[in-house]
C-alpha atoms as a PDB file:
ATOM      1  CA  MET A   1       1.895  18.394   0.797  1.00  0.00           C
ATOM      2  CA  MET A   2       5.659  18.335   1.187  1.00  0.00           C
ATOM      3  CA  GLU A   3       5.515  20.673   4.178  1.00  0.00           C
ATOM      4  CA  GLU A   4       3.001  18.380   5.859  1.00  0.00           C
ATOM      5  CA  ALA A   5       5.177  15.356   5.140  1.00  0.00           C
ATOM      6  CA  ASN A   6       8.249  17.019   6.562  1.00  0.00           C
ATOM      7  CA  THR A   7       6.354  18.119   9.662  1.00  0.00           C
ATOM      8  CA  ALA A   8       5.221  14.554  10.203  1.00  0.00           C
ATOM      9  CA  ARG A   9       8.759  13.300   9.718  1.00  0.00           C
ATOM     10  CA  ARG A  10      10.739  15.743  11.855  1.00  0.00           C
ATOM     11  CA  GLY A  11       8.350  17.765  13.972  1.00  0.00           C
ATOM     12  CA  ARG A  12       7.266  21.360  13.713  1.00  0.00           C
ATOM     13  CA  GLY A  13       9.679  24.194  13.222  1.00  0.00           C
ATOM     14  CA  PRO A  14      10.794  26.785  10.685  1.00  0.00           C
ATOM     15  CA  ALA A  15      11.691  25.345   7.303  1.00  0.00           C
ATOM     16  CA  ALA A  16      15.241  25.601   6.005  1.00  0.00           C
ATOM     17  CA  ASP A  17      16.132  25.568   2.309  1.00  0.00           C
ATOM     18  CA  TRP A  18      18.652  23.201   0.749  1.00  0.00           C
ATOM     19  CA  THR A  19      21.577  25.553   1.298  1.00  0.00           C
ATOM     20  CA  SER A  20      21.342  24.833   5.025  1.00  0.00           C
ATOM     21  CA  TYR A  21      21.769  21.058   4.794  1.00  0.00           C
ATOM     22  CA  VAL A  22      24.076  18.607   3.060  1.00  0.00           C
ATOM     23  CA  ARG A  23      22.691  16.878  -0.012  1.00  0.00           C
ATOM     24  CA  PHE A  24      23.897  13.386  -0.880  1.00  0.00           C
ATOM     25  CA  ILE A  25      23.262  10.226  -2.856  1.00  0.00           C
ATOM     26  CA  ILE A  26      24.136   6.611  -2.128  1.00  0.00           C
ATOM     27  CA  LEU A  27      25.520   5.476  -5.480  1.00  0.00           C
ATOM     28  CA  SER A  28      25.604   1.714  -5.944  1.00  0.00           C
ATOM     29  CA  GLY A  29      24.604  -1.381  -7.824  1.00  0.00           C
ATOM     30  CA  ALA A  30      22.132  -3.998  -6.641  1.00  0.00           C
ATOM     31  CA  ARG A  31      22.965  -6.400  -3.775  1.00  0.00           C
ATOM     32  CA  THR A  32      25.568  -4.109  -2.227  1.00  0.00           C
ATOM     33  CA  GLY A  33      23.863  -3.361   1.106  1.00  0.00           C
ATOM     34  CA  SER A  34      22.531   0.004  -0.037  1.00  0.00           C
ATOM     35  CA  HIS A  35      19.152  -0.495   1.632  1.00  0.00           C
ATOM     36  CA  MET A  36      20.867  -1.279   4.922  1.00  0.00           C
ATOM     37  CA  LEU A  37      23.035   1.840   4.682  1.00  0.00           C
ATOM     38  CA  ALA A  38      20.039   4.002   3.746  1.00  0.00           C
ATOM     39  CA  GLN A  39      17.969   2.636   6.630  1.00  0.00           C
ATOM     40  CA  ALA A  40      20.826   3.261   9.055  1.00  0.00           C
ATOM     41  CA  LEU A  41      21.349   6.861   7.939  1.00  0.00           C
ATOM     42  CA  ASN A  42      17.631   7.540   8.070  1.00  0.00           C
ATOM     43  CA  SER A  43      17.565   6.347  11.685  1.00  0.00           C
ATOM     44  CA  SER A  44      19.411   9.538  12.625  1.00  0.00           C
ATOM     45  CA  PRO A  45      17.034  12.390  13.549  1.00  0.00           C
ATOM     46  CA  LYS A  46      19.384  14.700  11.643  1.00  0.00           C
ATOM     47  CA  ILE A  47      19.280  12.777   8.354  1.00  0.00           C
ATOM     48  CA  THR A  48      16.498  12.080   5.866  1.00  0.00           C
ATOM     49  CA  CYS A  49      17.526   9.282   3.531  1.00  0.00           C
ATOM     50  CA  PHE A  50      15.018   8.143   0.918  1.00  0.00           C
ATOM     51  CA  ARG A  51      15.261   4.838  -0.892  1.00  0.00           C
ATOM     52  CA  GLU A  52      14.967   4.300  -4.678  1.00  0.00           C
ATOM     53  CA  VAL A  53      12.899   7.353  -5.571  1.00  0.00           C
ATOM     54  CA  PHE A  54      14.062   7.140  -9.196  1.00  0.00           C
ATOM     55  CA  ASN A  55      13.380   3.453  -9.810  1.00  0.00           C
ATOM     56  CA  HIS A  56      11.596   3.626 -13.170  1.00  0.00           C
ATOM     57  CA  LEU A  57      10.532  -0.020 -12.896  1.00  0.00           C
ATOM     58  CA  GLN A  58       8.164   0.774 -10.030  1.00  0.00           C
ATOM     59  CA  ASP A  59       4.783   2.455 -10.488  1.00  0.00           C
ATOM     60  CA  PHE A  60       5.154   4.203  -7.142  1.00  0.00           C
ATOM     61  CA  VAL A  61       7.803   6.421  -5.525  1.00  0.00           C
ATOM     62  CA  GLN A  62       9.853   4.517  -2.968  1.00  0.00           C
ATOM     63  CA  PHE A  63      10.358   7.189  -0.318  1.00  0.00           C
ATOM     64  CA  ASP A  64      10.141   4.670   2.555  1.00  0.00           C
ATOM     65  CA  VAL A  65      10.428   7.497   5.082  1.00  0.00           C
ATOM     66  CA  GLU A  66       7.881   8.208   7.789  1.00  0.00           C
ATOM     67  CA  GLY A  67       5.412  10.904   6.744  1.00  0.00           C
ATOM     68  CA  TYR A  68       5.855  10.399   2.996  1.00  0.00           C
ATOM     69  CA  ASP A  69       3.277   8.797   0.725  1.00  0.00           C
ATOM     70  CA  ASN A  70       4.847   6.248  -1.628  1.00  0.00           C
ATOM     71  CA  PHE A  71       1.585   6.022  -3.543  1.00  0.00           C
ATOM     72  CA  SER A  72       0.733   9.676  -4.174  1.00  0.00           C
ATOM     73  CA  ALA A  73      -0.565   9.926  -7.743  1.00  0.00           C
ATOM     74  CA  GLU A  74       0.401  13.595  -7.821  1.00  0.00           C
ATOM     75  CA  THR A  75       3.993  12.850  -6.840  1.00  0.00           C
ATOM     76  CA  LEU A  76       4.288   9.964  -9.288  1.00  0.00           C
ATOM     77  CA  SER A  77       2.925  12.149 -12.067  1.00  0.00           C
ATOM     78  CA  LEU A  78       5.385  14.927 -11.241  1.00  0.00           C
ATOM     79  CA  ARG A  79       8.315  12.507 -11.337  1.00  0.00           C
ATOM     80  CA  SER A  80       7.187  11.219 -14.735  1.00  0.00           C
ATOM     81  CA  ARG A  81       6.516  14.646 -16.248  1.00  0.00           C
ATOM     82  CA  ASP A  82       9.450  16.560 -14.828  1.00  0.00           C
ATOM     83  CA  PRO A  83      12.059  14.562 -12.891  1.00  0.00           C
ATOM     84  CA  ILE A  84      14.209  17.639 -12.278  1.00  0.00           C
ATOM     85  CA  ARG A  85      11.311  19.512 -10.728  1.00  0.00           C
ATOM     86  CA  PHE A  86      10.502  16.393  -8.691  1.00  0.00           C
ATOM     87  CA  LEU A  87      14.099  16.386  -7.433  1.00  0.00           C
ATOM     88  CA  GLU A  88      13.868  20.043  -6.441  1.00  0.00           C
ATOM     89  CA  GLU A  89      10.360  20.009  -4.965  1.00  0.00           C
ATOM     90  CA  ARG A  90      10.193  16.571  -3.344  1.00  0.00           C
ATOM     91  CA  ILE A  91      13.790  15.711  -2.444  1.00  0.00           C
ATOM     92  CA  PHE A  92      16.157  18.691  -2.255  1.00  0.00           C
ATOM     93  CA  CYS A  93      13.571  21.144  -0.985  1.00  0.00           C
ATOM     94  CA  PRO A  94      12.942  23.053   2.299  1.00  0.00           C
ATOM     95  CA  TYR A  95      12.994  20.917   5.448  1.00  0.00           C
ATOM     96  CA  PRO A  96      12.274  21.655   9.097  1.00  0.00           C
ATOM     97  CA  GLU A  97      15.133  23.089  11.111  1.00  0.00           C
ATOM     98  CA  GLY A  98      17.292  20.318  12.526  1.00  0.00           C
ATOM     99  CA  VAL A  99      17.566  18.280   9.335  1.00  0.00           C
ATOM    100  CA  GLN A 100      21.258  18.479   8.459  1.00  0.00           C
ATOM    101  CA  ALA A 101      21.521  16.020   5.558  1.00  0.00           C
ATOM    102  CA  VAL A 102      19.105  14.803   2.877  1.00  0.00           C
ATOM    103  CA  GLY A 103      19.735  12.142   0.259  1.00  0.00           C
ATOM    104  CA  PHE A 104      18.558   9.014  -1.528  1.00  0.00           C
ATOM    105  CA  LYS A 105      19.682   5.743  -3.059  1.00  0.00           C
ATOM    106  CA  PHE A 106      20.662   5.933  -6.711  1.00  0.00           C
ATOM    107  CA  HIS A 107      21.420   2.632  -8.409  1.00  0.00           C
ATOM    108  CA  TYR A 108      23.421   2.567 -11.625  1.00  0.00           C
ATOM    109  CA  GLY A 109      21.039   2.923 -14.539  1.00  0.00           C
ATOM    110  CA  GLN A 110      18.175   4.520 -12.610  1.00  0.00           C
ATOM    111  CA  PHE A 111      18.456   7.607 -14.770  1.00  0.00           C
ATOM    112  CA  TRP A 112      16.736   5.649 -17.559  1.00  0.00           C
ATOM    113  CA  GLY A 113      13.323   7.129 -18.225  1.00  0.00           C
ATOM    114  CA  PHE A 114      14.224  10.428 -16.557  1.00  0.00           C
ATOM    115  CA  PRO A 115      15.738  12.776 -19.178  1.00  0.00           C
ATOM    116  CA  GLY A 116      18.343  15.142 -17.819  1.00  0.00           C
ATOM    117  CA  LEU A 117      18.479  13.557 -14.357  1.00  0.00           C
ATOM    118  CA  LEU A 118      21.985  12.102 -14.540  1.00  0.00           C
ATOM    119  CA  GLU A 119      23.345  15.316 -16.044  1.00  0.00           C
ATOM    120  CA  ARG A 120      21.676  17.307 -13.257  1.00  0.00           C
ATOM    121  CA  LEU A 121      23.197  15.159 -10.524  1.00  0.00           C
ATOM    122  CA  VAL A 122      26.640  15.064 -12.111  1.00  0.00           C
ATOM    123  CA  GLY A 123      26.622  18.801 -12.789  1.00  0.00           C
ATOM    124  CA  ASP A 124      25.749  19.732  -9.212  1.00  0.00           C
ATOM    125  CA  THR A 125      29.108  19.192  -7.519  1.00  0.00           C
ATOM    126  CA  GLY A 126      27.670  20.241  -4.168  1.00  0.00           C
ATOM    127  CA  ILE A 127      26.004  16.837  -3.896  1.00  0.00           C
ATOM    128  CA  ARG A 128      28.106  14.441  -1.834  1.00  0.00           C
ATOM    129  CA  VAL A 129      28.425  10.853  -2.992  1.00  0.00           C
ATOM    130  CA  LEU A 130      28.712   7.724  -0.896  1.00  0.00           C
ATOM    131  CA  HIS A 131      29.846   5.195  -3.485  1.00  0.00           C
ATOM    132  CA  LEU A 132      28.974   1.751  -2.152  1.00  0.00           C
ATOM    133  CA  ARG A 133      30.651  -1.188  -3.857  1.00  0.00           C
ATOM    134  CA  ARG A 134      30.982  -4.898  -3.186  1.00  0.00           C
ATOM    135  CA  GLN A 135      34.408  -6.477  -3.554  1.00  0.00           C
ATOM    136  CA  ASN A 136      33.343 -10.116  -3.907  1.00  0.00           C
ATOM    137  CA  LEU A 137      31.459 -10.005  -7.188  1.00  0.00           C
ATOM    138  CA  LEU A 138      30.783 -13.739  -7.147  1.00  0.00           C
ATOM    139  CA  ARG A 139      28.830 -13.364  -3.912  1.00  0.00           C
ATOM    140  CA  MET A 140      27.104 -10.344  -5.414  1.00  0.00           C
ATOM    141  CA  LEU A 141      25.996 -12.401  -8.431  1.00  0.00           C
ATOM    142  CA  VAL A 142      24.906 -15.348  -6.272  1.00  0.00           C
ATOM    143  CA  SER A 143      22.915 -13.019  -4.015  1.00  0.00           C
ATOM    144  CA  LEU A 144      21.190 -11.496  -7.043  1.00  0.00           C
ATOM    145  CA  LYS A 145      20.333 -14.901  -8.526  1.00  0.00           C
ATOM    146  CA  LEU A 146      19.022 -16.213  -5.197  1.00  0.00           C
ATOM    147  CA  ALA A 147      16.865 -13.123  -4.683  1.00  0.00           C
ATOM    148  CA  ARG A 148      15.347 -13.480  -8.129  1.00  0.00           C
ATOM    149  CA  ALA A 149      14.822 -17.212  -7.724  1.00  0.00           C
ATOM    150  CA  THR A 150      13.218 -17.061  -4.270  1.00  0.00           C
ATOM    151  CA  GLY A 151      11.588 -13.624  -4.358  1.00  0.00           C
ATOM    152  CA  VAL A 152      13.334 -12.823  -1.051  1.00  0.00           C
ATOM    153  CA  PHE A 153      15.192  -9.544  -1.404  1.00  0.00           C
ATOM    154  CA  MET A 154      15.704  -8.589   2.252  1.00  0.00           C
ATOM    155  CA  GLU A 155      15.167  -9.911   5.761  1.00  0.00           C
ATOM    156  CA  ASP A 156      13.871  -7.809   8.628  1.00  0.00           C
ATOM    157  CA  THR A 157      14.960  -8.997  12.070  1.00  0.00           C
ATOM    158  CA  ARG A 158      12.746  -6.565  14.002  1.00  0.00           C
ATOM    159  CA  ARG A 159       9.567  -8.136  12.712  1.00  0.00           C
ATOM    160  CA  GLY A 160      11.061 -11.584  12.504  1.00  0.00           C
ATOM    161  CA  VAL A 161       9.854 -12.011   8.936  1.00  0.00           C
ATOM    162  CA  THR A 162      11.248 -12.175   5.455  1.00  0.00           C
ATOM    163  CA  LEU A 163      10.217  -9.409   3.089  1.00  0.00           C
ATOM    164  CA  ALA A 164       9.440 -11.297  -0.083  1.00  0.00           C
ATOM    165  CA  ASN A 165       9.298  -9.107  -3.172  1.00  0.00           C
ATOM    166  CA  LEU A 166       8.261  -6.149  -1.020  1.00  0.00           C
ATOM    167  CA  SER A 167       8.032  -3.617  -3.842  1.00  0.00           C
ATOM    168  CA  LYS A 168       5.413  -5.692  -5.624  1.00  0.00           C
ATOM    169  CA  ALA A 169       3.577  -6.416  -2.386  1.00  0.00           C
ATOM    170  CA  THR A 170       3.122  -2.699  -1.763  1.00  0.00           C
ATOM    171  CA  ARG A 171       2.431  -1.626  -5.314  1.00  0.00           C
ATOM    172  CA  HIS A 172      -1.113  -0.296  -4.668  1.00  0.00           C
ATOM    173  CA  PRO A 173      -2.169   1.235  -1.341  1.00  0.00           C
ATOM    174  CA  LEU A 174      -5.593  -0.428  -1.144  1.00  0.00           C
ATOM    175  CA  LYS A 175      -4.078  -3.854  -1.758  1.00  0.00           C
ATOM    176  CA  ALA A 176      -0.822  -3.334   0.096  1.00  0.00           C
ATOM    177  CA  ALA A 177      -1.810  -4.872   3.421  1.00  0.00           C
ATOM    178  CA  ASP A 178      -3.321  -7.977   1.897  1.00  0.00           C
ATOM    179  CA  ARG A 179      -0.467  -8.554  -0.523  1.00  0.00           C
ATOM    180  CA  LEU A 180       2.137  -7.944   2.123  1.00  0.00           C
ATOM    181  CA  ARG A 181       0.450 -10.356   4.527  1.00  0.00           C
ATOM    182  CA  ARG A 182       0.385 -13.064   1.873  1.00  0.00           C
ATOM    183  CA  ARG A 183       4.020 -12.542   0.914  1.00  0.00           C
ATOM    184  CA  LEU A 184       5.578 -12.320   4.362  1.00  0.00           C
ATOM    185  CA  ARG A 185       6.815 -15.559   5.815  1.00  0.00           C
ATOM    186  CA  PRO A 186       8.938 -16.549   8.810  1.00  0.00           C
ATOM    187  CA  PRO A 187      12.625 -17.189   8.090  1.00  0.00           C
ATOM    188  CA  LYS A 188      13.360 -20.855   7.575  1.00  0.00           C
ATOM    189  CA  ALA A 189      14.741 -22.444  10.711  1.00  0.00           C
ATOM    190  CA  ALA A 190      18.309 -23.721  10.495  1.00  0.00           C
ATOM    191  CA  GLY A 191      18.469 -27.269   9.311  1.00  0.00           C
ATOM    192  CA  LYS A 192      14.858 -27.422   8.155  1.00  0.00           C
ATOM    193  CA  GLY A 193      14.272 -27.889   4.459  1.00  0.00           C
ATOM    194  CA  ALA A 194      16.662 -27.665   1.539  1.00  0.00           C
ATOM    195  CA  ARG A 195      18.758 -24.510   1.190  1.00  0.00           C
ATOM    196  CA  ALA A 196      18.152 -22.688  -2.084  1.00  0.00           C
ATOM    197  CA  ARG A 197      21.087 -23.020  -4.477  1.00  0.00           C
ATOM    198  CA  VAL A 198      21.930 -21.576  -7.867  1.00  0.00           C
ATOM    199  CA  THR A 199      23.998 -22.577 -10.859  1.00  0.00           C
ATOM    200  CA  VAL A 200      26.544 -20.108 -12.235  1.00  0.00           C
ATOM    201  CA  SER A 201      28.296 -20.676 -15.552  1.00  0.00           C
ATOM    202  CA  ALA A 202      31.873 -19.527 -16.146  1.00  0.00           C
ATOM    203  CA  GLU A 203      30.693 -17.276 -18.972  1.00  0.00           C
ATOM    204  CA  GLU A 204      28.008 -15.751 -16.759  1.00  0.00           C
ATOM    205  CA  LEU A 205      30.474 -14.957 -13.980  1.00  0.00           C
ATOM    206  CA  PHE A 206      33.083 -13.544 -16.350  1.00  0.00           C
ATOM    207  CA  ASP A 207      30.516 -11.318 -18.048  1.00  0.00           C
ATOM    208  CA  PHE A 208      29.102 -10.151 -14.704  1.00  0.00           C
ATOM    209  CA  VAL A 209      32.529  -9.296 -13.290  1.00  0.00           C
ATOM    210  CA  VAL A 210      33.555  -7.325 -16.370  1.00  0.00           C
ATOM    211  CA  ARG A 211      30.259  -5.433 -16.694  1.00  0.00           C
ATOM    212  CA  THR A 212      30.038  -4.643 -12.983  1.00  0.00           C
ATOM    213  CA  ARG A 213      33.589  -3.336 -12.754  1.00  0.00           C
ATOM    214  CA  ILE A 214      33.218  -1.200 -15.871  1.00  0.00           C
ATOM    215  CA  THR A 215      29.860   0.203 -14.749  1.00  0.00           C
ATOM    216  CA  ALA A 216      31.135   1.038 -11.259  1.00  0.00           C
ATOM    217  CA  ALA A 217      34.286   2.664 -12.625  1.00  0.00           C
ATOM    218  CA  ASN A 218      32.312   4.703 -15.160  1.00  0.00           C
ATOM    219  CA  HIS A 219      29.931   6.035 -12.507  1.00  0.00           C
ATOM    220  CA  ASP A 220      32.802   6.719 -10.145  1.00  0.00           C
ATOM    221  CA  GLY A 221      34.396   8.816 -12.883  1.00  0.00           C
ATOM    222  CA  LEU A 222      31.182  10.720 -13.557  1.00  0.00           C
ATOM    223  CA  PHE A 223      31.211  12.013  -9.992  1.00  0.00           C
ATOM    224  CA  ASP A 224      34.941  12.779  -9.819  1.00  0.00           C
ATOM    225  CA  GLU A 225      34.313  16.456  -9.057  1.00  0.00           C
ATOM    226  CA  HIS A 226      32.023  15.680  -6.115  1.00  0.00           C
ATOM    227  CA  PRO A 227      32.977  15.137  -2.485  1.00  0.00           C
ATOM    228  CA  LYS A 228      33.036  11.341  -2.438  1.00  0.00           C
ATOM    229  CA  LEU A 229      33.363   8.582   0.123  1.00  0.00           C
ATOM    230  CA  ALA A 230      34.105   5.010  -0.934  1.00  0.00           C
ATOM    231  CA  VAL A 231      32.128   2.502   1.129  1.00  0.00           C
ATOM    232  CA  CYS A 232      32.746  -1.236   0.962  1.00  0.00           C
ATOM    233  CA  TYR A 233      29.944  -3.760   1.460  1.00  0.00           C
ATOM    234  CA  GLU A 234      32.263  -6.127   3.260  1.00  0.00           C
ATOM    235  CA  ASP A 235      33.154  -3.377   5.761  1.00  0.00           C
ATOM    236  CA  LEU A 236      29.452  -2.579   6.151  1.00  0.00           C
ATOM    237  CA  VAL A 237      28.921  -6.192   7.223  1.00  0.00           C
ATOM    238  CA  ASP A 238      32.028  -6.730   9.347  1.00  0.00           C
ATOM    239  CA  GLN A 239      32.768  -3.226  10.695  1.00  0.00           C
ATOM    240  CA  ARG A 240      29.313  -1.703  10.704  1.00  0.00           C
ATOM    241  CA  GLU A 241      29.767   0.839  13.492  1.00  0.00           C
ATOM    242  CA  ASP A 242      32.983   2.172  11.954  1.00  0.00           C
ATOM    243  CA  VAL A 243      31.258   2.602   8.583  1.00  0.00           C
ATOM    244  CA  PHE A 244      28.287   4.356  10.186  1.00  0.00           C
ATOM    245  CA  ARG A 245      30.572   6.789  12.013  1.00  0.00           C
ATOM    246  CA  GLU A 246      32.584   7.540   8.882  1.00  0.00           C
ATOM    247  CA  ALA A 247      29.448   8.058   6.781  1.00  0.00           C
ATOM    248  CA  GLN A 248      27.939  10.476   9.289  1.00  0.00           C
ATOM    249  CA  SER A 249      31.183  12.444   9.535  1.00  0.00           C
ATOM    250  CA  PHE A 250      31.365  12.625   5.742  1.00  0.00           C
ATOM    251  CA  LEU A 251      27.877  14.169   5.749  1.00  0.00           C
ATOM    252  CA  GLY A 252      28.902  16.704   8.362  1.00  0.00           C
ATOM    253  CA  ILE A 253      26.888  15.005  11.107  1.00  0.00           C
ATOM    254  CA  GLU A 254      28.297  14.399  14.557  1.00  0.00           C
ATOM    255  CA  PRO A 255      28.359  10.593  14.764  1.00  0.00           C
ATOM    256  CA  HIS A 256      25.711   8.931  16.908  1.00  0.00           C
ATOM    257  CA  PRO A 257      24.634   5.288  17.140  1.00  0.00           C
ATOM    258  CA  LEU A 258      22.502   4.224  14.190  1.00  0.00           C
ATOM    259  CA  PHE A 259      20.358   1.133  13.905  1.00  0.00           C
ATOM    260  CA  VAL A 260      19.134  -1.215  11.215  1.00  0.00           C
ATOM    261  CA  THR A 261      16.516  -3.944  11.311  1.00  0.00           C
ATOM    262  CA  LEU A 262      17.784  -5.701   8.197  1.00  0.00           C
ATOM    263  CA  ARG A 263      20.179  -8.588   8.331  1.00  0.00           C
ATOM    264  CA  ARG A 264      22.617 -10.082   5.876  1.00  0.00           C
ATOM    265  CA  GLN A 265      21.262 -12.757   3.591  1.00  0.00           C
ATOM    266  CA  ASN A 266      23.157 -15.819   2.393  1.00  0.00           C
ATOM    267  CA  PRO A 267      26.128 -15.785   4.821  1.00  0.00           C
ATOM    268  CA  GLU A 268      26.814 -19.466   4.144  1.00  0.00           C
ATOM    269  CA  PRO A 269      30.002 -20.595   2.356  1.00  0.00           C
ATOM    270  CA  LEU A 270      29.711 -20.291  -1.404  1.00  0.00           C
ATOM    271  CA  ARG A 271      30.077 -24.063  -1.742  1.00  0.00           C
ATOM    272  CA  GLU A 272      26.680 -24.360  -0.036  1.00  0.00           C
ATOM    273  CA  LEU A 273      25.066 -21.785  -2.320  1.00  0.00           C
ATOM    274  CA  ILE A 274      26.429 -22.751  -5.751  1.00  0.00           C
ATOM    275  CA  GLU A 275      25.277 -26.034  -7.251  1.00  0.00           C
ATOM    276  CA  ASN A 276      28.267 -26.357  -9.581  1.00  0.00           C
ATOM    277  CA  TYR A 277      30.871 -24.866  -7.237  1.00  0.00           C
ATOM    278  CA  ASP A 278      33.749 -27.245  -8.118  1.00  0.00           C
ATOM    279  CA  GLU A 279      33.221 -26.869 -11.852  1.00  0.00           C
ATOM    280  CA  LEU A 280      33.060 -23.074 -11.579  1.00  0.00           C
ATOM    281  CA  TYR A 281      36.129 -22.871  -9.358  1.00  0.00           C
ATOM    282  CA  GLY A 282      38.039 -25.068 -11.774  1.00  0.00           C
ATOM    283  CA  ALA A 283      37.405 -22.546 -14.553  1.00  0.00           C
ATOM    284  CA  PHE A 284      38.882 -19.688 -12.503  1.00  0.00           C
ATOM    285  CA  LYS A 285      41.452 -21.333 -10.201  1.00  0.00           C
ATOM    286  CA  ASP A 286      44.426 -20.033 -12.207  1.00  0.00           C
ATOM    287  CA  THR A 287      43.052 -16.498 -12.632  1.00  0.00           C
ATOM    288  CA  PRO A 288      42.903 -13.430 -10.350  1.00  0.00           C
ATOM    289  CA  GLU A 289      39.173 -14.183  -9.902  1.00  0.00           C
ATOM    290  CA  ALA A 290      40.083 -17.276  -7.853  1.00  0.00           C
ATOM    291  CA  ALA A 291      40.166 -14.896  -4.894  1.00  0.00           C
ATOM    292  CA  LEU A 292      36.362 -14.557  -5.185  1.00  0.00           C
ATOM    293  CA  PHE A 293      35.895 -18.157  -4.042  1.00  0.00           C
ATOM    294  CA  ASP A 294      35.843 -19.081  -0.367  1.00  0.00           C
END
């Protein structure tokens, strides 16, 4: 099955084992642009970049790569029974000649439900790590709250639609098309309708900032012995081509133009996104976190 999937993805040719290509993970938290980075890397014919293949909250395997079946019962069962074998037989396995780098997204905490997985990744220092972090944690929290409130987790410019709760819409293959059709909607035209806003308490922001910084630092330390590249969300948004070139070079790939069909959500000033902006800013104006407000 895997050989057929790889053939569909990259074309026919002799298979090469994992020693002939670079293995990597995109390590990150939620709302950091990791899906955009993964999509960009996967647009290279020399890179296979899977999405959240170890998301234990989904009852499917989110390969999201051409030629791979997200809904294979056999693959899902293998991941549940033996995540290490799944890693070796479905991810870091033989690929057609020409594939020079293979990796996947790995959010903090996605080792839950998969015994031994984190230890396996940490212990294999040959795996390269692109550690993607977001500097403005207030925007990160607002983005997370808006996504949960609206069900809109990403926007696809190529199709001109908003992907609303895509993982749920594609949960079962026989129902995927119908659910997706019902959940997709055109982006709201500028100036039409009220913009979604959220309320953020001072305690909520303080707790989020502390937890996020500690979690990111802990995971960064776990992979200290690995080749590692720090990637900043803000650079991914503002200096995209530079980030794409650096990421490809880090993976040993000669840089070529990459493309994405996703666009940034919620670019508006925070004052337009936070219902209680003045109150929240007042609680942090004399602290280092005042820099998070724009």
